[in-house]
């Protein structure tokens, strides 16, 4: 689960940095947006896994 969270946040950081470089922005706007989105997305997925009961066979 920690790997999943780390991968989502790392991907969002790299995507934001790439977009900032391509669009030549002085302020890292897309990095900030995608880091926040990645953080909330990873927290949502983790909490969803904790809250939903597992079906036992």
PDB file of N, CA and C in Angstrom:
ATOM      1  N   UNK A   1       0.812  -1.176   0.000  1.00  0.00           N
ATOM      2  CA  UNK A   1       0.000   0.000   0.000  1.00  0.00           C
ATOM      3  C   UNK A   1       0.872   1.263   0.000  1.00  0.00           C
ATOM      4  N   UNK A   2       1.956   1.248   0.741  1.00  0.00           N
ATOM      5  CA  UNK A   2       2.851   2.407   0.748  1.00  0.00           C
ATOM      6  C   UNK A   2       3.493   2.601  -0.621  1.00  0.00           C
ATOM      7  N   UNK A   3       3.789   1.501  -1.292  1.00  0.00           N
ATOM      8  CA  UNK A   3       4.358   1.602  -2.631  1.00  0.00           C
ATOM      9  C   UNK A   3       3.354   2.234  -3.591  1.00  0.00           C
ATOM     10  N   UNK A   4       2.097   1.861  -3.454  1.00  0.00           N
ATOM     11  CA  UNK A   4       1.049   2.422  -4.308  1.00  0.00           C
ATOM     12  C   UNK A   4       0.925   3.932  -4.079  1.00  0.00           C
ATOM     13  N   UNK A   5       0.941   4.366  -2.833  1.00  0.00           N
ATOM     14  CA  UNK A   5       0.853   5.791  -2.532  1.00  0.00           C
ATOM     15  C   UNK A   5       2.059   6.538  -3.076  1.00  0.00           C
ATOM     16  N   UNK A   6       3.238   5.968  -2.863  1.00  0.00           N
ATOM     17  CA  UNK A   6       4.464   6.603  -3.344  1.00  0.00           C
ATOM     18  C   UNK A   6       4.510   6.701  -4.856  1.00  0.00           C
ATOM     19  N   UNK A   7       4.043   5.660  -5.518  1.00  0.00           N
ATOM     20  CA  UNK A   7       4.051   5.662  -6.984  1.00  0.00           C
ATOM     21  C   UNK A   7       3.099   6.712  -7.546  1.00  0.00           C
ATOM     22  N   UNK A   8       1.929   6.858  -6.946  1.00  0.00           N
ATOM     23  CA  UNK A   8       0.964   7.850  -7.413  1.00  0.00           C
ATOM     24  C   UNK A   8       1.510   9.258  -7.220  1.00  0.00           C
ATOM     25  N   UNK A   9       2.077   9.526  -6.062  1.00  0.00           N
ATOM     26  CA  UNK A   9       2.613  10.863  -5.785  1.00  0.00           C
ATOM     27  C   UNK A   9       3.824  11.145  -6.665  1.00  0.00           C
ATOM     28  N   UNK A  10       4.706  10.159  -6.843  1.00  0.00           N
ATOM     29  CA  UNK A  10       5.877  10.353  -7.699  1.00  0.00           C
ATOM     30  C   UNK A  10       5.473  10.620  -9.145  1.00  0.00           C
ATOM     31  N   UNK A  11       4.507   9.869  -9.652  1.00  0.00           N
ATOM     32  CA  UNK A  11       4.024  10.084 -11.016  1.00  0.00           C
ATOM     33  C   UNK A  11       3.429  11.481 -11.181  1.00  0.00           C
ATOM     34  N   UNK A  12       2.673  11.929 -10.178  1.00  0.00           N
ATOM     35  CA  UNK A  12       2.062  13.248 -10.281  1.00  0.00           C
ATOM     36  C   UNK A  12       3.114  14.359 -10.223  1.00  0.00           C
ATOM     37  N   UNK A  13       4.161  14.176  -9.423  1.00  0.00           N
ATOM     38  CA  UNK A  13       5.244  15.167  -9.376  1.00  0.00           C
ATOM     39  C   UNK A  13       5.962  15.236 -10.715  1.00  0.00           C
ATOM     40  N   UNK A  14       6.290  14.090 -11.272  1.00  0.00           N
ATOM     41  CA  UNK A  14       7.001  14.074 -12.549  1.00  0.00           C
ATOM     42  C   UNK A  14       6.153  14.653 -13.674  1.00  0.00           C
ATOM     43  N   UNK A  15       4.867  14.360 -13.673  1.00  0.00           N
ATOM     44  CA  UNK A  15       3.974  14.913 -14.686  1.00  0.00           C
ATOM     45  C   UNK A  15       3.873  16.431 -14.551  1.00  0.00           C
ATOM     46  N   UNK A  16       3.742  16.920 -13.339  1.00  0.00           N
ATOM     47  CA  UNK A  16       3.671  18.361 -13.112  1.00  0.00           C
ATOM     48  C   UNK A  16       4.952  19.069 -13.510  1.00  0.00           C
ATOM     49  N   UNK A  17       6.104  18.494 -13.183  1.00  0.00           N
ATOM     50  CA  UNK A  17       7.376  19.101 -13.573  1.00  0.00           C
ATOM     51  C   UNK A  17       7.547  19.105 -15.086  1.00  0.00           C
ATOM     52  N   UNK A  18       7.121  18.044 -15.730  1.00  0.00           N
ATOM     53  CA  UNK A  18       7.219  17.987 -17.188  1.00  0.00           C
ATOM     54  C   UNK A  18       6.363  19.083 -17.832  1.00  0.00           C
ATOM     55  N   UNK A  19       5.139  19.224 -17.370  1.00  0.00           N
ATOM     56  CA  UNK A  19       4.258  20.240 -17.935  1.00  0.00           C
ATOM     57  C   UNK A  19       4.783  21.649 -17.670  1.00  0.00           C
ATOM     58  N   UNK A  20       5.377  21.873 -16.505  1.00  0.00           N
ATOM     59  CA  UNK A  20       5.960  23.188 -16.216  1.00  0.00           C
ATOM     60  C   UNK A  20       7.133  23.491 -17.141  1.00  0.00           C
ATOM     61  N   UNK A  21       7.936  22.473 -17.453  1.00  0.00           N
ATOM     62  CA  UNK A  21       9.063  22.688 -18.363  1.00  0.00           C
ATOM     63  C   UNK A  21       8.589  22.934 -19.790  1.00  0.00           C
ATOM     64  N   UNK A  22       7.596  22.174 -20.235  1.00  0.00           N
ATOM     65  CA  UNK A  22       7.106  22.307 -21.608  1.00  0.00           C
ATOM     66  C   UNK A  22       6.450  23.675 -21.818  1.00  0.00           C
ATOM     67  N   UNK A  23       5.671  24.114 -20.845  1.00  0.00           N
ATOM     68  CA  UNK A  23       4.954  25.378 -20.978  1.00  0.00           C
ATOM     69  C   UNK A  23       5.773  26.585 -20.515  1.00  0.00           C
ATOM     70  N   UNK A  24       6.969  26.342 -20.009  1.00  0.00           N
ATOM     71  CA  UNK A  24       7.914  27.380 -19.569  1.00  0.00           C
ATOM     72  C   UNK A  24       7.230  28.375 -18.620  1.00  0.00           C
ATOM     73  N   UNK A  25       6.808  27.872 -17.491  1.00  0.00           N
ATOM     74  CA  UNK A  25       6.179  28.705 -16.476  1.00  0.00           C
ATOM     75  C   UNK A  25       7.202  29.109 -15.426  1.00  0.00           C
ATOM     76  N   UNK A  26       7.118  30.341 -14.952  1.00  0.00           N
ATOM     77  CA  UNK A  26       8.055  30.789 -13.919  1.00  0.00           C
ATOM     78  C   UNK A  26       7.679  30.234 -12.549  1.00  0.00           C
ATOM     79  N   UNK A  27       6.390  30.042 -12.317  1.00  0.00           N
ATOM     80  CA  UNK A  27       5.903  29.458 -11.070  1.00  0.00           C
ATOM     81  C   UNK A  27       5.485  28.018 -11.339  1.00  0.00           C
ATOM     82  N   UNK A  28       5.886  27.062 -10.502  1.00  0.00           N
ATOM     83  CA  UNK A  28       5.561  25.645 -10.765  1.00  0.00           C
ATOM     84  C   UNK A  28       4.091  25.321 -10.498  1.00  0.00           C
ATOM     85  N   UNK A  29       3.233  25.866 -11.307  1.00  0.00           N
ATOM     86  CA  UNK A  29       1.795  25.733 -11.113  1.00  0.00           C
ATOM     87  C   UNK A  29       1.318  24.295 -11.274  1.00  0.00           C
ATOM     88  N   UNK A  30       1.707  23.648 -12.361  1.00  0.00           N
ATOM     89  CA  UNK A  30       1.235  22.287 -12.607  1.00  0.00           C
ATOM     90  C   UNK A  30       1.831  21.293 -11.611  1.00  0.00           C
ATOM     91  N   UNK A  31       3.038  21.534 -11.155  1.00  0.00           N
ATOM     92  CA  UNK A  31       3.622  20.669 -10.135  1.00  0.00           C
ATOM     93  C   UNK A  31       2.797  20.745  -8.862  1.00  0.00           C
ATOM     94  N   UNK A  32       2.433  21.931  -8.477  1.00  0.00           N
ATOM     95  CA  UNK A  32       1.624  22.121  -7.273  1.00  0.00           C
ATOM     96  C   UNK A  32       0.253  21.461  -7.420  1.00  0.00           C
ATOM     97  N   UNK A  33      -0.381  21.672  -8.558  1.00  0.00           N
ATOM     98  CA  UNK A  33      -1.715  21.099  -8.789  1.00  0.00           C
ATOM     99  C   UNK A  33      -1.669  19.576  -8.777  1.00  0.00           C
ATOM    100  N   UNK A  34      -0.705  19.008  -9.504  1.00  0.00           N
ATOM    101  CA  UNK A  34      -0.652  17.551  -9.599  1.00  0.00           C
ATOM    102  C   UNK A  34      -0.171  16.891  -8.307  1.00  0.00           C
ATOM    103  N   UNK A  35       0.670  17.567  -7.531  1.00  0.00           N
ATOM    104  CA  UNK A  35       1.075  17.002  -6.241  1.00  0.00           C
ATOM    105  C   UNK A  35      -0.129  16.945  -5.303  1.00  0.00           C
ATOM    106  N   UNK A  36      -0.913  18.007  -5.267  1.00  0.00           N
ATOM    107  CA  UNK A  36      -2.109  17.987  -4.422  1.00  0.00           C
ATOM    108  C   UNK A  36      -3.103  16.929  -4.894  1.00  0.00           C
ATOM    109  N   UNK A  37      -3.301  16.850  -6.202  1.00  0.00           N
ATOM    110  CA  UNK A  37      -4.210  15.837  -6.731  1.00  0.00           C
ATOM    111  C   UNK A  37      -3.704  14.425  -6.426  1.00  0.00           C
ATOM    112  N   UNK A  38      -2.411  14.194  -6.624  1.00  0.00           N
ATOM    113  CA  UNK A  38      -1.844  12.874  -6.353  1.00  0.00           C
ATOM    114  C   UNK A  38      -1.925  12.488  -4.893  1.00  0.00           C
ATOM    115  N   UNK A  39      -1.710  13.459  -4.015  1.00  0.00           N
ATOM    116  CA  UNK A  39      -1.794  13.189  -2.585  1.00  0.00           C
ATOM    117  C   UNK A  39      -3.210  12.810  -2.183  1.00  0.00           C
ATOM    118  N   UNK A  40      -4.181  13.591  -2.648  1.00  0.00           N
ATOM    119  CA  UNK A  40      -5.566  13.273  -2.311  1.00  0.00           C
ATOM    120  C   UNK A  40      -6.023  11.971  -2.956  1.00  0.00           C
ATOM    121  N   UNK A  41      -5.571  11.705  -4.166  1.00  0.00           N
ATOM    122  CA  UNK A  41      -5.944  10.454  -4.829  1.00  0.00           C
ATOM    123  C   UNK A  41      -5.366   9.256  -4.091  1.00  0.00           C
ATOM    124  N   UNK A  42      -4.117   9.350  -3.660  1.00  0.00           N
ATOM    125  CA  UNK A  42      -3.513   8.220  -2.949  1.00  0.00           C
ATOM    126  C   UNK A  42      -4.156   8.023  -1.578  1.00  0.00           C
ATOM    127  N   UNK A  43      -4.493   9.113  -0.898  1.00  0.00           N
ATOM    128  CA  UNK A  43      -5.198   8.977   0.379  1.00  0.00           C
ATOM    129  C   UNK A  43      -6.581   8.369   0.189  1.00  0.00           C
ATOM    130  N   UNK A  44      -7.264   8.775  -0.860  1.00  0.00           N
ATOM    131  CA  UNK A  44      -8.588   8.215  -1.142  1.00  0.00           C
ATOM    132  C   UNK A  44      -8.494   6.712  -1.395  1.00  0.00           C
ATOM    133  N   UNK A  45      -7.553   6.297  -2.216  1.00  0.00           N
ATOM    134  CA  UNK A  45      -7.425   4.872  -2.511  1.00  0.00           C
ATOM    135  C   UNK A  45      -7.046   4.069  -1.274  1.00  0.00           C
ATOM    136  N   UNK A  46      -6.173   4.622  -0.448  1.00  0.00           N
ATOM    137  CA  UNK A  46      -5.772   3.914   0.769  1.00  0.00           C
ATOM    138  C   UNK A  46      -6.933   3.796   1.751  1.00  0.00           C
ATOM    139  N   UNK A  47      -7.642   4.892   1.959  1.00  0.00           N
ATOM    140  CA  UNK A  47      -8.767   4.854   2.890  1.00  0.00           C
ATOM    141  C   UNK A  47      -9.893   3.972   2.366  1.00  0.00           C
ATOM    142  N   UNK A  48     -10.086   3.954   1.061  1.00  0.00           N
ATOM    143  CA  UNK A  48     -11.108   3.090   0.477  1.00  0.00           C
ATOM    144  C   UNK A  48     -10.762   1.621   0.730  1.00  0.00           C
ATOM    145  N   UNK A  49      -9.474   1.284   0.645  1.00  0.00           N
ATOM    146  CA  UNK A  49      -9.060  -0.093   0.922  1.00  0.00           C
ATOM    147  C   UNK A  49      -9.256  -0.454   2.393  1.00  0.00           C
ATOM    148  N   UNK A  50      -9.046   0.506   3.289  1.00  0.00           N
ATOM    149  CA  UNK A  50      -9.226   0.235   4.708  1.00  0.00           C
ATOM    150  C   UNK A  50     -10.697   0.120   5.102  1.00  0.00           C
ATOM    151  N   UNK A  51     -11.523   0.957   4.531  1.00  0.00           N
ATOM    152  CA  UNK A  51     -12.912   1.031   4.962  1.00  0.00           C
ATOM    153  C   UNK A  51     -13.757  -0.107   4.387  1.00  0.00           C
ATOM    154  N   UNK A  52     -13.570  -0.425   3.125  1.00  0.00           N
ATOM    155  CA  UNK A  52     -14.412  -1.466   2.516  1.00  0.00           C
ATOM    156  C   UNK A  52     -14.055  -2.829   3.082  1.00  0.00           C
ATOM    157  N   UNK A  53     -15.048  -3.586   3.508  1.00  0.00           N
ATOM    158  CA  UNK A  53     -14.759  -4.915   4.057  1.00  0.00           C
ATOM    159  C   UNK A  53     -14.327  -5.886   2.949  1.00  0.00           C
ATOM    160  N   UNK A  54     -13.409  -6.736   3.291  1.00  0.00           N
ATOM    161  CA  UNK A  54     -12.953  -7.769   2.365  1.00  0.00           C
ATOM    162  C   UNK A  54     -13.930  -8.933   2.380  1.00  0.00           C
ATOM    163  N   UNK A  55     -14.227  -9.439   1.209  1.00  0.00           N
ATOM    164  CA  UNK A  55     -15.112 -10.596   1.116  1.00  0.00           C
ATOM    165  C   UNK A  55     -14.310 -11.850   1.365  1.00  0.00           C
ATOM    166  N   UNK A  56     -14.739 -12.619   2.330  1.00  0.00           N
ATOM    167  CA  UNK A  56     -14.046 -13.875   2.627  1.00  0.00           C
ATOM    168  C   UNK A  56     -14.746 -15.015   1.891  1.00  0.00           C
ATOM    169  N   UNK A  57     -13.958 -15.961   1.456  1.00  0.00           N
ATOM    170  CA  UNK A  57     -14.505 -17.094   0.692  1.00  0.00           C
ATOM    171  C   UNK A  57     -14.889 -18.226   1.591  1.00  0.00           C
TER     172      UNK A  57
END
